[in-house]
Amino acid sequence: MNEIIKVKNAVKIYKETKALDDISVNFERGKIHGIIGRNGSGKTVLLRCICGLSKLTSGSIIVDGKELGRDIDIPENIGAIIEYPGFIPEMSGYKNLKYLADIKGVIDKKRILDVLKIVGLENVGKKRVGKYSLGMRQRLGIAQAIMESPEILILDEPTNGLDKNGVKEFRELMIKLKEEGKTIIIASHNSEDINFLCEDIIELDKGRIESGGNV
């Protein structure tokens, strides 16, 4: 298999709680992968660790051949929504994206406007994010995740707050990105989204893999 992410014997302990308990799973390049589980199952913790936002207590995560914590701290080829997207409420949607884009300086104004159109926010890009609905914030979060065209997308509850049309557009976008060769990992309570989009699905419960996986 052509794995782009390898998680081996991953353990994450917060105080006395094992949020991840000996997780081993590989994510294959160019596929849409799903992670399901109840609140507290370890979904978000696993995604945070893959993104380099949390360090494992033990075990290893290798992203595109580089081990987190040894070769790199934060993978550069990942775009992510982890939990609720955080934006500056006093700034417009466009200015929020530009502020983030300026950190790396790899995309221009046209690309920002293009991704706002892709997620259906072209008419409210100048509106303050503080005035956005939950669904609009989620669309902006998706725009942030895809705007630099990363190889890997990590999406935690990406359809949260989206209406029926928004969910349809999200699914269409994910299929298009997969066709472009992107690797996508989606964690969701919504089994319909997972079953519709994902080729490989793992179920987590109390920090362990209950079903699925390929190791």
N, C-alpha and C. Protein backbone atom coordinates (compact mmCIF):
# COMPACT_ATOMS: atom_id res chain seq x y z
N MET A 1 0.85 -1.21 0.00
CA MET A 1 0.00 0.00 0.00
C MET A 1 0.88 1.25 0.00
N ASN A 2 0.29 2.33 -0.44
CA ASN A 2 1.01 3.60 -0.53
C ASN A 2 0.54 4.51 0.62
N GLU A 3 1.05 4.25 1.82
CA GLU A 3 0.60 5.01 2.99
C GLU A 3 1.26 6.38 3.05
N ILE A 4 0.46 7.41 3.32
CA ILE A 4 1.01 8.74 3.51
C ILE A 4 1.10 9.09 5.00
N ILE A 5 0.28 8.42 5.83
CA ILE A 5 0.32 8.60 7.28
C ILE A 5 0.35 7.23 7.94
N LYS A 6 1.31 7.03 8.85
CA LYS A 6 1.43 5.78 9.59
C LYS A 6 1.40 6.09 11.09
N VAL A 7 0.41 5.55 11.76
CA VAL A 7 0.29 5.70 13.21
C VAL A 7 0.61 4.34 13.83
N LYS A 8 1.60 4.30 14.73
CA LYS A 8 2.03 3.02 15.29
C LYS A 8 2.06 3.09 16.82
N ASN A 9 1.27 2.21 17.44
CA ASN A 9 1.24 2.06 18.91
C ASN A 9 1.10 3.40 19.62
N ALA A 10 0.20 4.24 19.09
CA ALA A 10 0.04 5.59 19.63
C ALA A 10 -0.70 5.57 20.97
N VAL A 11 -0.08 6.19 21.96
CA VAL A 11 -0.67 6.35 23.29
C VAL A 11 -0.64 7.82 23.66
N LYS A 12 -1.77 8.34 24.12
CA LYS A 12 -1.83 9.71 24.61
C LYS A 12 -2.55 9.69 25.95
N ILE A 13 -1.85 10.15 26.98
CA ILE A 13 -2.40 10.15 28.33
C ILE A 13 -2.56 11.58 28.81
N TYR A 14 -3.77 11.94 29.24
CA TYR A 14 -4.03 13.21 29.90
C TYR A 14 -4.32 12.91 31.37
N LYS A 15 -3.41 13.38 32.25
CA LYS A 15 -3.52 13.05 33.67
C LYS A 15 -3.55 11.53 33.81
N GLU A 16 -4.69 10.95 34.20
CA GLU A 16 -4.74 9.49 34.35
C GLU A 16 -5.61 8.83 33.29
N THR A 17 -6.04 9.61 32.30
CA THR A 17 -6.93 9.09 31.26
C THR A 17 -6.15 8.77 29.99
N LYS A 18 -6.34 7.57 29.46
CA LYS A 18 -5.74 7.20 28.18
C LYS A 18 -6.68 7.63 27.07
N ALA A 19 -6.40 8.78 26.45
CA ALA A 19 -7.23 9.25 25.35
C ALA A 19 -6.99 8.43 24.09
N LEU A 20 -5.76 7.96 23.90
CA LEU A 20 -5.43 7.00 22.84
C LEU A 20 -4.72 5.84 23.50
N ASP A 21 -5.17 4.63 23.18
CA ASP A 21 -4.67 3.44 23.87
C ASP A 21 -4.14 2.44 22.84
N ASP A 22 -2.87 2.61 22.47
CA ASP A 22 -2.19 1.69 21.56
C ASP A 22 -2.86 1.63 20.19
N ILE A 23 -3.00 2.81 19.56
CA ILE A 23 -3.62 2.93 18.24
C ILE A 23 -2.57 2.70 17.15
N SER A 24 -2.87 1.77 16.24
CA SER A 24 -2.04 1.58 15.05
C SER A 24 -2.95 1.56 13.83
N VAL A 25 -2.70 2.47 12.90
CA VAL A 25 -3.51 2.55 11.69
C VAL A 25 -2.72 3.29 10.61
N ASN A 26 -2.91 2.89 9.36
CA ASN A 26 -2.28 3.57 8.24
C ASN A 26 -3.36 4.22 7.37
N PHE A 27 -3.01 5.37 6.81
CA PHE A 27 -3.92 6.08 5.91
C PHE A 27 -3.27 6.14 4.53
N GLU A 28 -3.97 5.59 3.56
CA GLU A 28 -3.41 5.46 2.22
C GLU A 28 -3.57 6.76 1.42
N ARG A 29 -2.57 7.05 0.63
CA ARG A 29 -2.55 8.26 -0.20
C ARG A 29 -3.69 8.25 -1.22
N GLY A 30 -4.34 9.42 -1.40
CA GLY A 30 -5.34 9.57 -2.44
C GLY A 30 -6.70 8.97 -2.14
N LYS A 31 -6.96 8.67 -0.86
CA LYS A 31 -8.25 8.11 -0.46
C LYS A 31 -8.96 9.04 0.53
N ILE A 32 -10.28 8.80 0.69
CA ILE A 32 -11.04 9.47 1.74
C ILE A 32 -11.25 8.45 2.86
N HIS A 33 -10.71 8.77 4.03
CA HIS A 33 -10.78 7.88 5.19
C HIS A 33 -11.75 8.45 6.22
N GLY A 34 -12.46 7.58 6.90
CA GLY A 34 -13.42 8.02 7.91
C GLY A 34 -13.06 7.52 9.30
N ILE A 35 -13.32 8.36 10.30
CA ILE A 35 -13.17 7.97 11.70
C ILE A 35 -14.50 8.26 12.40
N ILE A 36 -15.09 7.23 12.99
CA ILE A 36 -16.34 7.42 13.71
C ILE A 36 -16.15 7.04 15.18
N GLY A 37 -17.06 7.51 16.00
CA GLY A 37 -17.00 7.22 17.43
C GLY A 37 -17.76 8.27 18.21
N ARG A 38 -18.15 7.91 19.42
CA ARG A 38 -18.89 8.84 20.27
C ARG A 38 -17.97 9.94 20.79
N ASN A 39 -18.57 10.92 21.44
CA ASN A 39 -17.77 11.93 22.14
C ASN A 39 -16.87 11.24 23.16
N GLY A 40 -15.61 11.65 23.17
CA GLY A 40 -14.66 11.04 24.12
C GLY A 40 -14.03 9.76 23.63
N SER A 41 -14.32 9.38 22.37
CA SER A 41 -13.77 8.12 21.85
C SER A 41 -12.30 8.25 21.45
N GLY A 42 -11.83 9.49 21.25
CA GLY A 42 -10.43 9.70 20.87
C GLY A 42 -10.25 10.25 19.47
N LYS A 43 -11.36 10.51 18.76
CA LYS A 43 -11.27 10.98 17.36
C LYS A 43 -10.46 12.27 17.25
N THR A 44 -10.88 13.29 18.01
CA THR A 44 -10.23 14.60 17.91
C THR A 44 -8.79 14.53 18.41
N VAL A 45 -8.55 13.76 19.46
CA VAL A 45 -7.17 13.61 19.98
C VAL A 45 -6.26 13.03 18.91
N LEU A 46 -6.74 12.00 18.22
CA LEU A 46 -5.93 11.39 17.17
C LEU A 46 -5.63 12.39 16.06
N LEU A 47 -6.64 13.16 15.65
CA LEU A 47 -6.42 14.15 14.59
C LEU A 47 -5.44 15.22 15.04
N ARG A 48 -5.56 15.67 16.29
CA ARG A 48 -4.63 16.69 16.81
C ARG A 48 -3.19 16.16 16.81
N CYS A 49 -3.03 14.90 17.15
CA CYS A 49 -1.68 14.33 17.16
C CYS A 49 -1.11 14.20 15.74
N ILE A 50 -1.95 13.81 14.78
CA ILE A 50 -1.49 13.71 13.39
C ILE A 50 -1.07 15.08 12.86
N CYS A 51 -1.78 16.13 13.29
CA CYS A 51 -1.46 17.50 12.84
C CYS A 51 -0.28 18.10 13.60
N GLY A 52 0.23 17.40 14.61
CA GLY A 52 1.35 17.93 15.39
C GLY A 52 0.93 18.93 16.45
N LEU A 53 -0.38 19.03 16.72
CA LEU A 53 -0.88 19.98 17.72
C LEU A 53 -0.80 19.41 19.13
N SER A 54 -0.73 18.09 19.25
CA SER A 54 -0.53 17.41 20.54
C SER A 54 0.55 16.36 20.33
N LYS A 55 1.38 16.16 21.36
CA LYS A 55 2.45 15.16 21.27
C LYS A 55 1.99 13.86 21.92
N LEU A 56 2.35 12.76 21.29
CA LEU A 56 2.04 11.46 21.85
C LEU A 56 2.81 11.24 23.15
N THR A 57 2.20 10.46 24.05
CA THR A 57 2.92 10.02 25.24
C THR A 57 3.93 8.94 24.86
N SER A 58 3.52 8.06 23.95
CA SER A 58 4.44 7.06 23.37
C SER A 58 3.89 6.63 22.02
N GLY A 59 4.73 5.91 21.28
CA GLY A 59 4.35 5.53 19.92
C GLY A 59 4.87 6.52 18.90
N SER A 60 4.44 6.38 17.66
CA SER A 60 4.96 7.26 16.61
C SER A 60 3.91 7.55 15.55
N ILE A 61 4.08 8.72 14.92
CA ILE A 61 3.28 9.09 13.76
C ILE A 61 4.23 9.57 12.68
N ILE A 62 4.13 8.97 11.51
CA ILE A 62 4.97 9.35 10.37
C ILE A 62 4.06 9.92 9.29
N VAL A 63 4.33 11.15 8.88
CA VAL A 63 3.56 11.82 7.84
C VAL A 63 4.46 12.05 6.63
N ASP A 64 4.11 11.39 5.54
CA ASP A 64 4.87 11.52 4.29
C ASP A 64 6.36 11.26 4.51
N GLY A 65 6.65 10.21 5.27
CA GLY A 65 8.03 9.79 5.48
C GLY A 65 8.78 10.48 6.59
N LYS A 66 8.13 11.43 7.28
CA LYS A 66 8.81 12.17 8.35
C LYS A 66 8.10 11.94 9.69
N GLU A 67 8.88 11.58 10.70
CA GLU A 67 8.30 11.28 12.01
C GLU A 67 8.10 12.56 12.82
N LEU A 68 6.88 12.70 13.33
CA LEU A 68 6.57 13.87 14.15
C LEU A 68 7.36 13.80 15.46
N GLY A 69 7.90 14.97 15.86
CA GLY A 69 8.66 15.04 17.09
C GLY A 69 10.12 14.68 16.93
N ARG A 70 10.47 14.10 15.79
CA ARG A 70 11.87 13.77 15.53
C ARG A 70 12.36 14.48 14.28
N ASP A 71 11.70 14.24 13.14
CA ASP A 71 12.10 14.90 11.89
C ASP A 71 11.43 16.27 11.75
N ILE A 72 10.18 16.37 12.17
CA ILE A 72 9.41 17.61 12.07
C ILE A 72 8.50 17.72 13.29
N ASP A 73 8.06 18.95 13.57
CA ASP A 73 7.08 19.16 14.65
C ASP A 73 5.67 19.29 14.10
N ILE A 74 5.53 20.08 13.02
CA ILE A 74 4.23 20.31 12.39
C ILE A 74 4.34 19.97 10.91
N PRO A 75 3.54 19.04 10.40
CA PRO A 75 3.59 18.76 8.95
C PRO A 75 3.13 19.98 8.15
N GLU A 76 3.86 20.28 7.08
CA GLU A 76 3.51 21.45 6.27
C GLU A 76 2.47 21.16 5.21
N ASN A 77 2.22 19.88 4.94
CA ASN A 77 1.33 19.53 3.82
C ASN A 77 -0.07 19.15 4.29
N ILE A 78 -0.47 19.65 5.48
CA ILE A 78 -1.79 19.34 6.02
C ILE A 78 -2.63 20.61 6.14
N GLY A 79 -3.88 20.53 5.66
CA GLY A 79 -4.87 21.56 5.93
C GLY A 79 -5.91 20.95 6.86
N ALA A 80 -6.34 21.70 7.88
CA ALA A 80 -7.17 21.05 8.91
C ALA A 80 -8.26 21.95 9.47
N ILE A 81 -9.36 21.28 9.84
CA ILE A 81 -10.35 21.86 10.76
C ILE A 81 -10.34 20.93 11.98
N ILE A 82 -9.93 21.45 13.10
CA ILE A 82 -9.95 20.67 14.34
C ILE A 82 -10.90 21.34 15.31
N GLU A 83 -11.94 20.63 15.71
CA GLU A 83 -12.99 21.18 16.56
C GLU A 83 -13.60 22.41 15.85
N TYR A 84 -13.91 23.46 16.58
CA TYR A 84 -14.54 24.61 15.94
C TYR A 84 -13.47 25.52 15.34
N PRO A 85 -13.62 25.92 14.07
CA PRO A 85 -12.64 26.83 13.48
C PRO A 85 -12.57 28.15 14.25
N GLY A 86 -11.37 28.60 14.54
CA GLY A 86 -11.20 29.84 15.29
C GLY A 86 -10.83 30.99 14.36
N PHE A 87 -11.63 32.05 14.39
CA PHE A 87 -11.36 33.21 13.55
C PHE A 87 -11.48 34.48 14.39
N ILE A 88 -10.97 35.58 13.85
CA ILE A 88 -11.04 36.88 14.54
C ILE A 88 -12.38 37.51 14.18
N PRO A 89 -13.31 37.62 15.15
CA PRO A 89 -14.69 38.03 14.82
C PRO A 89 -14.82 39.44 14.27
N GLU A 90 -13.87 40.33 14.62
CA GLU A 90 -13.96 41.71 14.16
C GLU A 90 -13.53 41.87 12.71
N MET A 91 -12.86 40.86 12.17
CA MET A 91 -12.37 40.92 10.79
C MET A 91 -13.32 40.19 9.85
N SER A 92 -13.30 40.56 8.57
CA SER A 92 -14.14 39.91 7.56
C SER A 92 -13.61 38.51 7.28
N GLY A 93 -14.43 37.72 6.58
CA GLY A 93 -13.99 36.39 6.17
C GLY A 93 -12.75 36.47 5.30
N TYR A 94 -12.76 37.39 4.35
CA TYR A 94 -11.60 37.55 3.46
C TYR A 94 -10.35 37.92 4.26
N LYS A 95 -10.47 38.88 5.17
CA LYS A 95 -9.30 39.34 5.92
C LYS A 95 -8.77 38.26 6.86
N ASN A 96 -9.67 37.44 7.40
CA ASN A 96 -9.21 36.32 8.21
C ASN A 96 -8.35 35.37 7.39
N LEU A 97 -8.82 35.03 6.19
CA LEU A 97 -8.05 34.13 5.34
C LEU A 97 -6.74 34.78 4.90
N LYS A 98 -6.78 36.07 4.60
CA LYS A 98 -5.55 36.75 4.17
C LYS A 98 -4.53 36.80 5.30
N TYR A 99 -5.01 37.05 6.51
CA TYR A 99 -4.12 37.07 7.68
C TYR A 99 -3.39 35.73 7.81
N LEU A 100 -4.13 34.63 7.66
CA LEU A 100 -3.52 33.30 7.76
C LEU A 100 -2.63 33.01 6.56
N ALA A 101 -3.06 33.44 5.38
CA ALA A 101 -2.27 33.20 4.17
C ALA A 101 -0.94 33.93 4.21
N ASP A 102 -0.92 35.12 4.83
CA ASP A 102 0.30 35.93 4.87
C ASP A 102 1.39 35.28 5.71
N ILE A 103 1.03 34.34 6.59
CA ILE A 103 2.03 33.68 7.43
C ILE A 103 3.03 32.91 6.57
N LYS A 104 2.50 32.20 5.56
CA LYS A 104 3.38 31.45 4.66
C LYS A 104 3.69 32.21 3.38
N GLY A 105 2.75 33.04 2.96
CA GLY A 105 2.96 33.85 1.77
C GLY A 105 3.01 33.06 0.48
N VAL A 106 2.24 31.96 0.40
CA VAL A 106 2.31 31.12 -0.80
C VAL A 106 1.10 31.29 -1.71
N ILE A 107 0.07 32.02 -1.27
CA ILE A 107 -1.09 32.24 -2.13
C ILE A 107 -1.41 33.74 -2.20
N ASP A 108 -2.12 34.12 -3.24
CA ASP A 108 -2.42 35.54 -3.46
C ASP A 108 -3.91 35.83 -3.27
N LYS A 109 -4.28 37.10 -3.50
CA LYS A 109 -5.67 37.53 -3.31
C LYS A 109 -6.63 36.72 -4.18
N LYS A 110 -6.23 36.45 -5.42
CA LYS A 110 -7.11 35.71 -6.32
C LYS A 110 -7.45 34.34 -5.76
N ARG A 111 -6.48 33.64 -5.21
CA ARG A 111 -6.73 32.31 -4.66
C ARG A 111 -7.69 32.40 -3.47
N ILE A 112 -7.53 33.42 -2.63
CA ILE A 112 -8.45 33.58 -1.49
C ILE A 112 -9.87 33.80 -1.99
N LEU A 113 -10.03 34.67 -2.98
CA LEU A 113 -11.36 34.91 -3.55
C LEU A 113 -11.92 33.65 -4.20
N ASP A 114 -11.04 32.88 -4.82
CA ASP A 114 -11.48 31.64 -5.46
C ASP A 114 -12.02 30.65 -4.43
N VAL A 115 -11.30 30.50 -3.29
CA VAL A 115 -11.77 29.51 -2.30
C VAL A 115 -13.04 29.99 -1.60
N LEU A 116 -13.20 31.30 -1.44
CA LEU A 116 -14.46 31.81 -0.90
C LEU A 116 -15.62 31.44 -1.82
N LYS A 117 -15.37 31.50 -3.12
CA LYS A 117 -16.40 31.11 -4.08
C LYS A 117 -16.66 29.61 -4.03
N ILE A 118 -15.60 28.83 -3.91
CA ILE A 118 -15.72 27.37 -3.86
C ILE A 118 -16.63 26.93 -2.71
N VAL A 119 -16.51 27.62 -1.55
CA VAL A 119 -17.31 27.22 -0.37
C VAL A 119 -18.60 28.01 -0.25
N GLY A 120 -18.92 28.84 -1.26
CA GLY A 120 -20.19 29.55 -1.27
C GLY A 120 -20.25 30.79 -0.41
N LEU A 121 -19.09 31.43 -0.17
CA LEU A 121 -19.07 32.63 0.67
C LEU A 121 -18.65 33.87 -0.12
N GLU A 122 -18.72 33.79 -1.46
CA GLU A 122 -18.24 34.93 -2.26
C GLU A 122 -19.03 36.20 -2.01
N ASN A 123 -20.28 36.08 -1.58
CA ASN A 123 -21.12 37.27 -1.35
C ASN A 123 -21.00 37.84 0.06
N VAL A 124 -20.33 37.10 0.94
CA VAL A 124 -20.21 37.58 2.34
C VAL A 124 -18.75 37.65 2.79
N GLY A 125 -17.84 37.62 1.82
CA GLY A 125 -16.42 37.68 2.16
C GLY A 125 -16.02 38.95 2.88
N LYS A 126 -16.79 40.04 2.64
CA LYS A 126 -16.47 41.32 3.29
C LYS A 126 -17.20 41.50 4.62
N LYS A 127 -18.04 40.55 4.96
CA LYS A 127 -18.83 40.64 6.19
C LYS A 127 -17.99 40.19 7.39
N ARG A 128 -18.17 40.86 8.53
CA ARG A 128 -17.45 40.48 9.74
C ARG A 128 -17.82 39.06 10.15
N VAL A 129 -16.81 38.28 10.52
CA VAL A 129 -17.04 36.89 10.90
C VAL A 129 -17.93 36.80 12.15
N GLY A 130 -17.88 37.82 12.99
CA GLY A 130 -18.75 37.84 14.16
C GLY A 130 -20.23 37.82 13.80
N LYS A 131 -20.56 38.18 12.57
CA LYS A 131 -21.95 38.17 12.09
C LYS A 131 -22.29 36.87 11.36
N TYR A 132 -21.32 35.98 11.21
CA TYR A 132 -21.54 34.73 10.49
C TYR A 132 -22.37 33.75 11.33
N SER A 133 -23.18 32.94 10.66
CA SER A 133 -23.85 31.82 11.31
C SER A 133 -22.84 30.70 11.52
N LEU A 134 -23.24 29.68 12.29
CA LEU A 134 -22.36 28.53 12.51
C LEU A 134 -22.00 27.86 11.18
N GLY A 135 -22.98 27.72 10.29
CA GLY A 135 -22.72 27.11 8.99
C GLY A 135 -21.74 27.92 8.15
N MET A 136 -21.86 29.24 8.21
CA MET A 136 -20.94 30.11 7.46
C MET A 136 -19.53 30.00 8.02
N ARG A 137 -19.41 29.93 9.33
CA ARG A 137 -18.08 29.75 9.95
C ARG A 137 -17.47 28.41 9.51
N GLN A 138 -18.33 27.40 9.43
CA GLN A 138 -17.82 26.09 9.02
C GLN A 138 -17.35 26.15 7.57
N ARG A 139 -18.09 26.83 6.71
CA ARG A 139 -17.65 27.00 5.32
C ARG A 139 -16.31 27.74 5.26
N LEU A 140 -16.16 28.76 6.11
CA LEU A 140 -14.90 29.50 6.13
C LEU A 140 -13.76 28.62 6.63
N GLY A 141 -14.07 27.74 7.58
CA GLY A 141 -13.07 26.80 8.05
C GLY A 141 -12.62 25.86 6.94
N ILE A 142 -13.55 25.40 6.13
CA ILE A 142 -13.21 24.55 4.99
C ILE A 142 -12.35 25.32 4.00
N ALA A 143 -12.70 26.60 3.77
CA ALA A 143 -11.89 27.45 2.87
C ALA A 143 -10.47 27.57 3.38
N GLN A 144 -10.32 27.78 4.69
CA GLN A 144 -8.99 27.88 5.29
C GLN A 144 -8.21 26.58 5.08
N ALA A 145 -8.88 25.44 5.26
CA ALA A 145 -8.19 24.15 5.16
C ALA A 145 -7.69 23.88 3.75
N ILE A 146 -8.45 24.32 2.73
CA ILE A 146 -8.09 23.96 1.34
C ILE A 146 -7.32 25.05 0.61
N MET A 147 -7.21 26.27 1.17
CA MET A 147 -6.75 27.40 0.36
C MET A 147 -5.32 27.28 -0.13
N GLU A 148 -4.46 26.57 0.60
CA GLU A 148 -3.08 26.42 0.17
C GLU A 148 -2.85 25.10 -0.56
N SER A 149 -3.94 24.45 -0.96
CA SER A 149 -3.89 23.20 -1.73
C SER A 149 -2.99 22.14 -1.08
N PRO A 150 -3.24 21.82 0.20
CA PRO A 150 -2.41 20.82 0.87
C PRO A 150 -2.65 19.43 0.31
N GLU A 151 -1.66 18.55 0.49
CA GLU A 151 -1.80 17.16 0.05
C GLU A 151 -2.80 16.41 0.92
N ILE A 152 -2.87 16.79 2.21
CA ILE A 152 -3.68 16.06 3.18
C ILE A 152 -4.68 17.01 3.81
N LEU A 153 -5.93 16.57 3.91
CA LEU A 153 -6.96 17.32 4.62
C LEU A 153 -7.41 16.53 5.83
N ILE A 154 -7.41 17.19 6.99
CA ILE A 154 -7.86 16.58 8.25
C ILE A 154 -9.08 17.37 8.70
N LEU A 155 -10.25 16.75 8.71
CA LEU A 155 -11.49 17.47 8.94
C LEU A 155 -12.28 16.84 10.09
N ASP A 156 -12.44 17.60 11.17
CA ASP A 156 -13.15 17.14 12.36
C ASP A 156 -14.56 17.73 12.35
N GLU A 157 -15.57 16.87 12.20
CA GLU A 157 -16.97 17.29 12.14
C GLU A 157 -17.18 18.42 11.11
N PRO A 158 -16.77 18.21 9.85
CA PRO A 158 -16.79 19.30 8.86
C PRO A 158 -18.18 19.76 8.44
N THR A 159 -19.21 18.92 8.62
CA THR A 159 -20.55 19.34 8.19
C THR A 159 -21.37 19.90 9.35
N ASN A 160 -20.73 20.10 10.50
CA ASN A 160 -21.42 20.67 11.65
C ASN A 160 -21.96 22.06 11.32
N GLY A 161 -23.27 22.25 11.44
CA GLY A 161 -23.87 23.56 11.19
C GLY A 161 -24.27 23.80 9.74
N LEU A 162 -23.90 22.90 8.84
CA LEU A 162 -24.26 23.08 7.43
C LEU A 162 -25.69 22.62 7.18
N ASP A 163 -26.40 23.36 6.32
CA ASP A 163 -27.75 22.94 5.94
C ASP A 163 -27.64 21.84 4.87
N LYS A 164 -28.79 21.37 4.41
CA LYS A 164 -28.82 20.25 3.46
C LYS A 164 -28.03 20.57 2.20
N ASN A 165 -28.18 21.79 1.69
CA ASN A 165 -27.45 22.18 0.49
C ASN A 165 -25.95 22.27 0.76
N GLY A 166 -25.61 22.78 1.96
CA GLY A 166 -24.20 22.88 2.33
C GLY A 166 -23.53 21.52 2.43
N VAL A 167 -24.26 20.54 2.97
CA VAL A 167 -23.73 19.17 3.06
C VAL A 167 -23.51 18.60 1.67
N LYS A 168 -24.47 18.83 0.77
CA LYS A 168 -24.34 18.35 -0.62
C LYS A 168 -23.11 18.95 -1.29
N GLU A 169 -22.92 20.27 -1.12
CA GLU A 169 -21.77 20.95 -1.73
C GLU A 169 -20.46 20.45 -1.12
N PHE A 170 -20.47 20.20 0.19
CA PHE A 170 -19.27 19.68 0.86
C PHE A 170 -18.88 18.32 0.27
N ARG A 171 -19.87 17.45 0.13
CA ARG A 171 -19.59 16.12 -0.42
C ARG A 171 -19.03 16.21 -1.83
N GLU A 172 -19.62 17.08 -2.64
CA GLU A 172 -19.14 17.25 -4.01
C GLU A 172 -17.70 17.75 -4.03
N LEU A 173 -17.39 18.67 -3.10
CA LEU A 173 -16.03 19.21 -3.03
C LEU A 173 -15.04 18.12 -2.61
N MET A 174 -15.40 17.29 -1.64
CA MET A 174 -14.50 16.23 -1.19
C MET A 174 -14.22 15.24 -2.32
N ILE A 175 -15.24 14.90 -3.08
CA ILE A 175 -15.05 13.97 -4.20
C ILE A 175 -14.12 14.59 -5.25
N LYS A 176 -14.30 15.88 -5.51
CA LYS A 176 -13.44 16.58 -6.48
C LYS A 176 -11.98 16.58 -6.00
N LEU A 177 -11.78 16.88 -4.71
CA LEU A 177 -10.42 16.93 -4.16
C LEU A 177 -9.77 15.55 -4.18
N LYS A 178 -10.56 14.52 -3.91
CA LYS A 178 -10.02 13.16 -3.99
C LYS A 178 -9.58 12.85 -5.42
N GLU A 179 -10.38 13.27 -6.39
CA GLU A 179 -10.03 13.04 -7.80
C GLU A 179 -8.75 13.77 -8.18
N GLU A 180 -8.44 14.85 -7.46
CA GLU A 180 -7.20 15.59 -7.69
C GLU A 180 -6.01 14.94 -6.98
N GLY A 181 -6.27 13.85 -6.24
CA GLY A 181 -5.19 13.12 -5.58
C GLY A 181 -4.98 13.44 -4.12
N LYS A 182 -5.88 14.23 -3.53
CA LYS A 182 -5.74 14.58 -2.11
C LYS A 182 -6.05 13.37 -1.22
N THR A 183 -5.42 13.34 -0.07
CA THR A 183 -5.74 12.38 0.97
C THR A 183 -6.58 13.09 2.02
N ILE A 184 -7.73 12.52 2.35
CA ILE A 184 -8.68 13.21 3.23
C ILE A 184 -9.05 12.29 4.39
N ILE A 185 -8.99 12.82 5.61
CA ILE A 185 -9.44 12.09 6.80
C ILE A 185 -10.57 12.89 7.42
N ILE A 186 -11.74 12.26 7.55
CA ILE A 186 -12.91 12.92 8.11
C ILE A 186 -13.34 12.20 9.38
N ALA A 187 -13.45 12.94 10.48
CA ALA A 187 -14.02 12.40 11.71
C ALA A 187 -15.40 13.01 11.87
N SER A 188 -16.39 12.17 12.13
CA SER A 188 -17.76 12.69 12.19
C SER A 188 -18.66 11.78 13.00
N HIS A 189 -19.68 12.43 13.65
CA HIS A 189 -20.77 11.66 14.24
C HIS A 189 -21.75 11.21 13.15
N ASN A 190 -21.69 11.89 12.01
CA ASN A 190 -22.68 11.67 10.95
C ASN A 190 -22.28 10.46 10.11
N SER A 191 -22.86 9.32 10.44
CA SER A 191 -22.49 8.09 9.73
C SER A 191 -22.88 8.15 8.26
N GLU A 192 -23.88 8.96 7.93
CA GLU A 192 -24.30 9.09 6.53
C GLU A 192 -23.18 9.72 5.70
N ASP A 193 -22.57 10.81 6.23
CA ASP A 193 -21.44 11.43 5.53
C ASP A 193 -20.29 10.44 5.36
N ILE A 194 -19.97 9.74 6.45
CA ILE A 194 -18.85 8.80 6.44
C ILE A 194 -19.10 7.68 5.43
N ASN A 195 -20.28 7.10 5.48
CA ASN A 195 -20.58 5.98 4.58
C ASN A 195 -20.64 6.42 3.12
N PHE A 196 -21.10 7.64 2.89
CA PHE A 196 -21.21 8.15 1.52
C PHE A 196 -19.84 8.43 0.91
N LEU A 197 -18.93 9.00 1.71
CA LEU A 197 -17.67 9.51 1.17
C LEU A 197 -16.48 8.58 1.33
N CYS A 198 -16.46 7.80 2.41
CA CYS A 198 -15.19 7.18 2.82
C CYS A 198 -15.03 5.75 2.31
N GLU A 199 -13.79 5.47 1.88
CA GLU A 199 -13.46 4.13 1.41
C GLU A 199 -12.98 3.23 2.54
N ASP A 200 -12.26 3.80 3.49
CA ASP A 200 -11.80 3.08 4.67
C ASP A 200 -12.36 3.77 5.91
N ILE A 201 -12.91 2.99 6.83
CA ILE A 201 -13.53 3.55 8.03
C ILE A 201 -13.02 2.82 9.26
N ILE A 202 -12.61 3.58 10.28
CA ILE A 202 -12.29 2.98 11.57
C ILE A 202 -13.23 3.53 12.63
N GLU A 203 -13.55 2.69 13.59
CA GLU A 203 -14.40 3.12 14.70
C GLU A 203 -13.57 3.12 15.97
N LEU A 204 -13.58 4.25 16.68
CA LEU A 204 -12.87 4.36 17.95
C LEU A 204 -13.85 4.30 19.11
N ASP A 205 -13.41 3.70 20.19
CA ASP A 205 -14.18 3.70 21.44
C ASP A 205 -13.21 3.67 22.60
N LYS A 206 -13.31 4.66 23.46
CA LYS A 206 -12.44 4.76 24.64
C LYS A 206 -10.96 4.67 24.27
N GLY A 207 -10.62 5.35 23.16
CA GLY A 207 -9.22 5.43 22.76
C GLY A 207 -8.66 4.24 22.03
N ARG A 208 -9.50 3.26 21.73
CA ARG A 208 -9.03 2.07 21.02
C ARG A 208 -9.81 1.87 19.72
N ILE A 209 -9.20 1.17 18.77
CA ILE A 209 -9.90 0.86 17.52
C ILE A 209 -10.82 -0.33 17.77
N GLU A 210 -12.12 -0.08 17.57
CA GLU A 210 -13.13 -1.13 17.75
C GLU A 210 -13.33 -1.94 16.48
N SER A 211 -13.24 -1.26 15.34
CA SER A 211 -13.40 -1.97 14.07
C SER A 211 -12.69 -1.19 12.98
N GLY A 212 -12.40 -1.87 11.87
CA GLY A 212 -11.69 -1.24 10.77
C GLY A 212 -10.19 -1.24 11.03
N GLY A 213 -9.50 -0.42 10.26
CA GLY A 213 -8.04 -0.38 10.39
C GLY A 213 -7.39 -1.34 9.43
N ASN A 214 -6.10 -1.15 9.23
CA ASN A 214 -5.40 -1.95 8.21
C ASN A 214 -4.00 -2.32 8.63
N VAL A 215 -3.77 -2.46 9.93
CA VAL A 215 -2.43 -2.80 10.42
C VAL A 215 -2.45 -4.20 11.02
